Amino acid sequence: MKRATRGLKTAVAATFAGIALLIGVPAAHADTGSASAQAGGLHTTAVKSAVWGQLHSGDCQQDNGTIVLRPDGTGTFSATTLTYKTHTGDVWHTTLTFFTTGGTRLFARGQFNSPRMNDGNPPPKYFWSADFTYDSGLYSAVDIFKTRQSYSC
């Protein structure tokens, strides 16, 4: 088992979980085919959002994991997940940790869980989302591109 740190390209033996970091570049300039995550940028002045590219854990895959933070203290995580080799119902697990630009940890949310997934040929894709709340006073301090996604399947 190994831990994958997306963006930092670090691997640590003997764990199942991965950690993905967003990179603070516009989506048009992001490297969408590498181990780095891509940042979706700010969509409006009232909402902060960013998108990870493709992430892998074991025989599972996450596509377009998206976080949205609103200034009213609400947020949403959504993703499409699939599994390549199971008939027993894999589940993708995600926890999000939010930071300031300087790297100070502000808060974490999750664990968010996908629906139970089975494989197929081709494997079915499972879209899912999870809503959460946070202290709205922290909205301006959050650097959305520093958000860490810890995940396992």
Protein backbone atom coordinates (compact mmCIF):
# COMPACT_ATOMS: atom_id res chain seq x y z
CA MET A 1 0.00 0.00 0.00
CA LYS A 2 1.22 3.50 -0.59
CA ARG A 3 0.23 7.06 0.01
CA ALA A 4 0.14 9.35 -2.99
CA THR A 5 0.54 13.06 -2.49
CA ARG A 6 -0.74 14.73 -5.63
CA GLY A 7 1.18 17.89 -6.44
CA LEU A 8 4.13 16.92 -4.23
CA LYS A 9 4.72 13.52 -5.88
CA THR A 10 5.64 11.83 -2.60
CA ALA A 11 5.03 8.16 -1.85
CA VAL A 12 5.13 6.55 1.60
CA ALA A 13 4.94 2.76 1.98
CA ALA A 14 2.44 0.93 4.21
CA THR A 15 -0.66 3.17 3.97
CA PHE A 16 -3.85 2.97 1.91
CA ALA A 17 -4.72 6.66 1.81
CA GLY A 18 -3.75 9.29 -0.71
CA ILE A 19 -3.49 13.02 -0.35
CA ALA A 20 -4.10 15.34 -3.28
CA LEU A 21 -3.13 19.00 -3.39
CA LEU A 22 -4.47 21.56 -5.81
CA ILE A 23 -2.06 23.73 -7.76
CA GLY A 24 -2.90 27.43 -7.98
CA VAL A 25 -2.91 27.84 -11.76
CA PRO A 26 -5.83 28.57 -14.06
CA ALA A 27 -7.49 25.48 -15.55
CA ALA A 28 -6.40 26.51 -19.04
CA HIS A 29 -2.76 26.24 -17.91
CA ALA A 30 -3.10 23.13 -15.76
CA ASP A 31 -1.37 19.88 -16.65
CA THR A 32 -4.41 17.65 -17.01
CA GLY A 33 -2.58 14.43 -17.85
CA SER A 34 0.01 14.21 -15.07
CA ALA A 35 0.05 13.34 -11.38
CA SER A 36 -0.61 17.01 -10.53
CA ALA A 37 -4.12 18.17 -9.72
CA GLN A 38 -5.61 20.96 -11.76
CA ALA A 39 -7.15 24.07 -10.26
CA GLY A 40 -10.46 25.28 -11.57
CA GLY A 41 -10.05 28.83 -10.27
CA LEU A 42 -12.64 31.20 -8.92
CA HIS A 43 -15.86 31.02 -10.91
CA THR A 44 -17.42 34.18 -9.44
CA THR A 45 -16.45 36.70 -6.82
CA ALA A 46 -18.96 35.13 -4.40
CA VAL A 47 -17.89 31.49 -4.74
CA LYS A 48 -14.50 29.77 -4.45
CA SER A 49 -14.10 26.52 -6.33
CA ALA A 50 -11.40 24.21 -7.61
CA VAL A 51 -11.19 20.87 -9.40
CA TRP A 52 -8.83 17.91 -9.07
CA GLY A 53 -8.11 15.90 -12.19
CA GLN A 54 -7.98 12.11 -12.04
CA LEU A 55 -6.93 10.43 -8.77
CA HIS A 56 -6.35 6.73 -8.10
CA SER A 57 -6.44 4.57 -4.97
CA GLY A 58 -6.09 0.82 -5.36
CA ASP A 59 -8.42 -0.26 -8.15
CA CYS A 60 -10.61 2.84 -7.76
CA GLN A 61 -10.56 6.13 -9.68
CA GLN A 62 -11.93 9.61 -8.96
CA ASP A 63 -12.57 12.06 -11.80
CA ASN A 64 -13.12 15.81 -11.45
CA GLY A 65 -13.36 16.02 -7.67
CA THR A 66 -14.78 19.53 -7.17
CA ILE A 67 -14.96 21.70 -4.09
CA VAL A 68 -17.19 24.76 -3.86
CA LEU A 69 -17.10 27.17 -0.91
CA ARG A 70 -19.73 29.87 -0.47
CA PRO A 71 -19.36 32.92 1.77
CA ASP A 72 -22.50 31.92 3.72
CA GLY A 73 -20.60 29.04 5.36
CA THR A 74 -21.80 26.25 3.07
CA GLY A 75 -19.81 24.08 0.72
CA THR A 76 -20.14 21.11 -1.59
CA PHE A 77 -17.77 18.35 -2.65
CA SER A 78 -18.70 16.37 -5.75
CA ALA A 79 -16.95 13.75 -7.85
CA THR A 80 -17.39 10.86 -10.24
CA THR A 81 -15.84 7.60 -9.05
CA LEU A 82 -15.52 4.08 -10.40
CA THR A 83 -13.83 0.78 -9.62
CA TYR A 84 -12.09 -1.59 -12.00
CA LYS A 85 -11.96 -4.87 -10.07
CA THR A 86 -14.64 -5.55 -7.51
CA HIS A 87 -18.06 -7.12 -7.23
CA THR A 88 -18.26 -6.54 -3.48
CA GLY A 89 -18.87 -2.79 -3.42
CA ASP A 90 -15.82 -0.52 -3.15
CA VAL A 91 -16.36 2.88 -1.49
CA TRP A 92 -14.26 6.01 -2.16
CA HIS A 93 -13.56 7.94 1.09
CA THR A 94 -12.59 11.64 1.06
CA THR A 95 -11.64 14.15 3.74
CA LEU A 96 -10.90 17.79 2.84
CA THR A 97 -8.53 20.03 4.80
CA PHE A 98 -8.55 23.78 4.14
CA PHE A 99 -5.57 26.14 4.60
CA THR A 100 -4.58 29.79 4.33
CA THR A 101 -2.18 31.00 1.65
CA GLY A 102 0.59 30.79 4.26
CA GLY A 103 -0.21 27.13 4.99
CA THR A 104 -2.05 27.51 8.29
CA ARG A 105 -4.68 24.79 8.75
CA LEU A 106 -8.15 26.31 9.13
CA PHE A 107 -10.56 23.36 9.26
CA ALA A 108 -11.32 19.93 7.83
CA ARG A 109 -14.56 18.38 6.59
CA GLY A 110 -15.50 14.79 5.85
CA GLN A 111 -15.24 11.84 5.73
CA PHE A 112 -17.41 11.86 2.61
CA ASN A 113 -18.19 8.47 1.08
CA SER A 114 -19.18 7.49 -2.45
CA PRO A 115 -21.99 5.04 -3.06
CA ARG A 116 -20.98 1.36 -3.08
CA MET A 117 -19.40 0.70 -6.48
CA ASN A 118 -19.12 -2.44 -8.59
CA ASP A 119 -17.02 -2.98 -11.70
CA GLY A 120 -18.18 -3.77 -15.23
CA ASN A 121 -17.01 -3.63 -18.81
CA PRO A 122 -16.79 -0.68 -19.04
CA PRO A 123 -16.99 0.13 -15.32
CA PRO A 124 -20.05 2.18 -14.36
CA LYS A 125 -19.38 5.76 -13.23
CA TYR A 126 -20.92 6.93 -9.96
CA PHE A 127 -21.57 10.68 -9.61
CA TRP A 128 -22.08 11.82 -6.03
CA SER A 129 -21.90 14.92 -3.88
CA ALA A 130 -21.79 15.90 -0.23
CA ASP A 131 -22.81 19.21 1.33
CA PHE A 132 -21.09 20.60 4.41
CA THR A 133 -20.96 23.71 6.58
CA TYR A 134 -18.06 25.68 8.06
CA ASP A 135 -17.50 28.93 10.00
CA SER A 136 -18.35 31.62 7.43
CA GLY A 137 -15.89 33.96 9.17
CA LEU A 138 -13.09 31.83 7.68
CA TYR A 139 -14.23 32.27 4.05
CA SER A 140 -11.83 35.11 3.19
CA ALA A 141 -8.88 33.28 4.80
CA VAL A 142 -9.31 30.07 2.75
CA ASP A 143 -6.89 29.63 -0.15
CA ILE A 144 -8.94 27.17 -2.19
CA PHE A 145 -5.84 26.00 -4.08
CA LYS A 146 -4.15 24.88 -0.85
CA THR A 147 -7.00 22.46 -0.08
CA ARG A 148 -5.82 18.92 0.61
CA GLN A 149 -7.95 15.91 -0.28
CA SER A 150 -7.08 12.79 1.72
CA TYR A 151 -8.62 9.73 0.11
CA SER A 152 -8.76 5.95 0.08
CA CYS A 153 -10.85 3.22 -1.48
